[in-house]
Amino acid sequence: MKNADSSLEIFYEKVALYYSDEKILPNLTEDVGFTHVAKQLESGAWTSKLSADEDIEHNTLYALEGNNGNEYGKVKQILKKPCGFRGILVRMFFKIKSWF
């Protein structure tokens, strides 16, 4: 499924695709394209791998867009797929925990 939003949904795993429409070189007509992928954790936060040794956790997808919206590109698409029973239970726990 695609065109999902970034909120935590109990029955789904989500990934977000970042896209940059900047040109690779000034004289080229092709965009950079897809630049980055972030995965939603069961808690609703997002995780990203920024280099070979750096994994970060961020609360919003827009944290990686930076001030100008072009550090990692902009969120172009959020995809989701059904998760398994364990994933549903853990997401339910975090959803209920957020109410308190």
C-alpha atoms as a PDB file:
ATOM      1  CA  MET A   1       0.000   0.000   0.000  1.00  0.00           C
ATOM      2  CA  LYS A   2       1.187   3.523  -0.592  1.00  0.00           C
ATOM      3  CA  ASN A   3       0.160   7.102   0.169  1.00  0.00           C
ATOM      4  CA  ALA A   4       0.084   6.344   3.889  1.00  0.00           C
ATOM      5  CA  ASP A   5       0.666   9.010   6.512  1.00  0.00           C
ATOM      6  CA  SER A   6       3.457   9.015   9.070  1.00  0.00           C
ATOM      7  CA  SER A   7       1.304   8.196  12.105  1.00  0.00           C
ATOM      8  CA  LEU A   8       1.648   4.902  13.943  1.00  0.00           C
ATOM      9  CA  GLU A   9      -0.867   2.329  12.749  1.00  0.00           C
ATOM     10  CA  ILE A  10      -1.170  -0.815  14.843  1.00  0.00           C
ATOM     11  CA  PHE A  11      -1.588  -3.236  11.948  1.00  0.00           C
ATOM     12  CA  TYR A  12       1.114  -1.872   9.604  1.00  0.00           C
ATOM     13  CA  GLU A  13       4.876  -1.495   9.194  1.00  0.00           C
ATOM     14  CA  LYS A  14       5.927   1.664   7.342  1.00  0.00           C
ATOM     15  CA  VAL A  15       8.883   3.011   5.404  1.00  0.00           C
ATOM     16  CA  ALA A  16       9.353   6.512   4.033  1.00  0.00           C
ATOM     17  CA  LEU A  17      11.190   7.313   0.809  1.00  0.00           C
ATOM     18  CA  TYR A  18      13.060  10.600   0.457  1.00  0.00           C
ATOM     19  CA  TYR A  19      13.484  12.224  -2.937  1.00  0.00           C
ATOM     20  CA  SER A  20      15.576  15.125  -4.158  1.00  0.00           C
ATOM     21  CA  ASP A  21      14.762  17.047  -7.304  1.00  0.00           C
ATOM     22  CA  GLU A  22      18.072  18.888  -7.249  1.00  0.00           C
ATOM     23  CA  LYS A  23      20.235  18.423 -10.306  1.00  0.00           C
ATOM     24  CA  ILE A  24      23.363  16.298  -9.949  1.00  0.00           C
ATOM     25  CA  LEU A  25      25.354  18.887 -11.893  1.00  0.00           C
ATOM     26  CA  PRO A  26      24.079  22.271 -13.080  1.00  0.00           C
ATOM     27  CA  ASN A  27      24.153  21.293 -16.754  1.00  0.00           C
ATOM     28  CA  LEU A  28      22.305  17.982 -16.322  1.00  0.00           C
ATOM     29  CA  THR A  29      18.567  17.633 -16.637  1.00  0.00           C
ATOM     30  CA  GLU A  30      18.217  14.544 -14.450  1.00  0.00           C
ATOM     31  CA  ASP A  31      17.208  14.794 -10.800  1.00  0.00           C
ATOM     32  CA  VAL A  32      19.183  13.118  -8.035  1.00  0.00           C
ATOM     33  CA  GLY A  33      16.169  10.884  -7.373  1.00  0.00           C
ATOM     34  CA  PHE A  34      15.563   8.795  -4.282  1.00  0.00           C
ATOM     35  CA  THR A  35      18.164   9.564  -1.634  1.00  0.00           C
ATOM     36  CA  HIS A  36      17.178   7.910   1.630  1.00  0.00           C
ATOM     37  CA  VAL A  37      14.805   5.479   3.356  1.00  0.00           C
ATOM     38  CA  ALA A  38      13.536   5.692   6.946  1.00  0.00           C
ATOM     39  CA  LYS A  39      11.744   2.872   8.757  1.00  0.00           C
ATOM     40  CA  GLN A  40       9.080   3.344  11.402  1.00  0.00           C
ATOM     41  CA  LEU A  41       9.818   1.613  14.681  1.00  0.00           C
ATOM     42  CA  GLU A  42       7.124  -0.177  16.645  1.00  0.00           C
ATOM     43  CA  SER A  43       7.071   2.783  19.045  1.00  0.00           C
ATOM     44  CA  GLY A  44       6.074   5.159  16.229  1.00  0.00           C
ATOM     45  CA  ALA A  45       9.503   6.846  16.048  1.00  0.00           C
ATOM     46  CA  TRP A  46      11.550   6.543  12.871  1.00  0.00           C
ATOM     47  CA  THR A  47      15.041   5.145  12.345  1.00  0.00           C
ATOM     48  CA  SER A  48      17.607   6.005   9.687  1.00  0.00           C
ATOM     49  CA  LYS A  49      21.090   4.851   8.771  1.00  0.00           C
ATOM     50  CA  LEU A  50      23.148   7.947   7.971  1.00  0.00           C
ATOM     51  CA  SER A  51      26.498   6.294   7.349  1.00  0.00           C
ATOM     52  CA  ALA A  52      28.204   2.954   7.798  1.00  0.00           C
ATOM     53  CA  ASP A  53      28.311   3.387  11.584  1.00  0.00           C
ATOM     54  CA  GLU A  54      25.473   5.809  12.351  1.00  0.00           C
ATOM     55  CA  ASP A  55      21.922   4.734  13.100  1.00  0.00           C
ATOM     56  CA  ILE A  56      19.707   7.496  14.442  1.00  0.00           C
ATOM     57  CA  GLU A  57      16.185   7.654  15.795  1.00  0.00           C
ATOM     58  CA  HIS A  58      13.970  10.647  15.003  1.00  0.00           C
ATOM     59  CA  ASN A  59      10.414  11.496  16.009  1.00  0.00           C
ATOM     60  CA  THR A  60       9.351  12.983  12.694  1.00  0.00           C
ATOM     61  CA  LEU A  61      10.191  12.250   9.095  1.00  0.00           C
ATOM     62  CA  TYR A  62      10.752  15.917   8.445  1.00  0.00           C
ATOM     63  CA  ALA A  63      13.735  16.071  10.814  1.00  0.00           C
ATOM     64  CA  LEU A  64      16.007  14.889   7.989  1.00  0.00           C
ATOM     65  CA  GLU A  65      14.748  17.425   5.472  1.00  0.00           C
ATOM     66  CA  GLY A  66      16.802  20.119   7.185  1.00  0.00           C
ATOM     67  CA  ASN A  67      16.386  23.877   6.949  1.00  0.00           C
ATOM     68  CA  ASN A  68      16.261  24.090   3.172  1.00  0.00           C
ATOM     69  CA  GLY A  69      14.418  20.842   2.598  1.00  0.00           C
ATOM     70  CA  ASN A  70      17.256  19.333   0.632  1.00  0.00           C
ATOM     71  CA  GLU A  71      19.698  17.684   3.044  1.00  0.00           C
ATOM     72  CA  TYR A  72      18.222  14.223   2.418  1.00  0.00           C
ATOM     73  CA  GLY A  73      15.512  15.370   0.067  1.00  0.00           C
ATOM     74  CA  LYS A  74      11.859  15.543   0.973  1.00  0.00           C
ATOM     75  CA  VAL A  75       9.526  12.741   1.952  1.00  0.00           C
ATOM     76  CA  LYS A  76       8.068  11.679  -1.368  1.00  0.00           C
ATOM     77  CA  GLN A  77       6.241   8.495  -0.455  1.00  0.00           C
ATOM     78  CA  ILE A  78       5.282   6.494   2.609  1.00  0.00           C
ATOM     79  CA  LEU A  79       4.682   2.806   2.038  1.00  0.00           C
ATOM     80  CA  LYS A  80       3.038   0.380   4.418  1.00  0.00           C
ATOM     81  CA  LYS A  81       2.437  -3.332   4.649  1.00  0.00           C
ATOM     82  CA  PRO A  82       0.608  -5.511   7.163  1.00  0.00           C
ATOM     83  CA  CYS A  83       2.736  -6.644  10.074  1.00  0.00           C
ATOM     84  CA  GLY A  84       2.679  -9.900  11.987  1.00  0.00           C
ATOM     85  CA  PHE A  85       0.997 -10.716  15.287  1.00  0.00           C
ATOM     86  CA  ARG A  86       4.037  -9.761  17.392  1.00  0.00           C
ATOM     87  CA  GLY A  87       4.251  -6.401  15.637  1.00  0.00           C
ATOM     88  CA  ILE A  88       0.573  -5.739  16.326  1.00  0.00           C
ATOM     89  CA  LEU A  89       1.009  -6.504  20.044  1.00  0.00           C
ATOM     90  CA  VAL A  90       4.055  -4.247  20.414  1.00  0.00           C
ATOM     91  CA  ARG A  91       2.389  -1.396  18.490  1.00  0.00           C
ATOM     92  CA  MET A  92      -0.720  -1.761  20.662  1.00  0.00           C
ATOM     93  CA  PHE A  93       1.453  -1.482  23.766  1.00  0.00           C
ATOM     94  CA  PHE A  94       3.060   1.761  22.547  1.00  0.00           C
ATOM     95  CA  LYS A  95      -0.291   3.161  21.384  1.00  0.00           C
ATOM     96  CA  ILE A  96      -1.906   2.489  24.783  1.00  0.00           C
ATOM     97  CA  LYS A  97       1.192   3.809  26.585  1.00  0.00           C
ATOM     98  CA  SER A  98       0.899   7.105  24.647  1.00  0.00           C
ATOM     99  CA  TRP A  99      -2.566   7.669  26.103  1.00  0.00           C
ATOM    100  CA  PHE A 100      -1.122   7.961  29.641  1.00  0.00           C
END
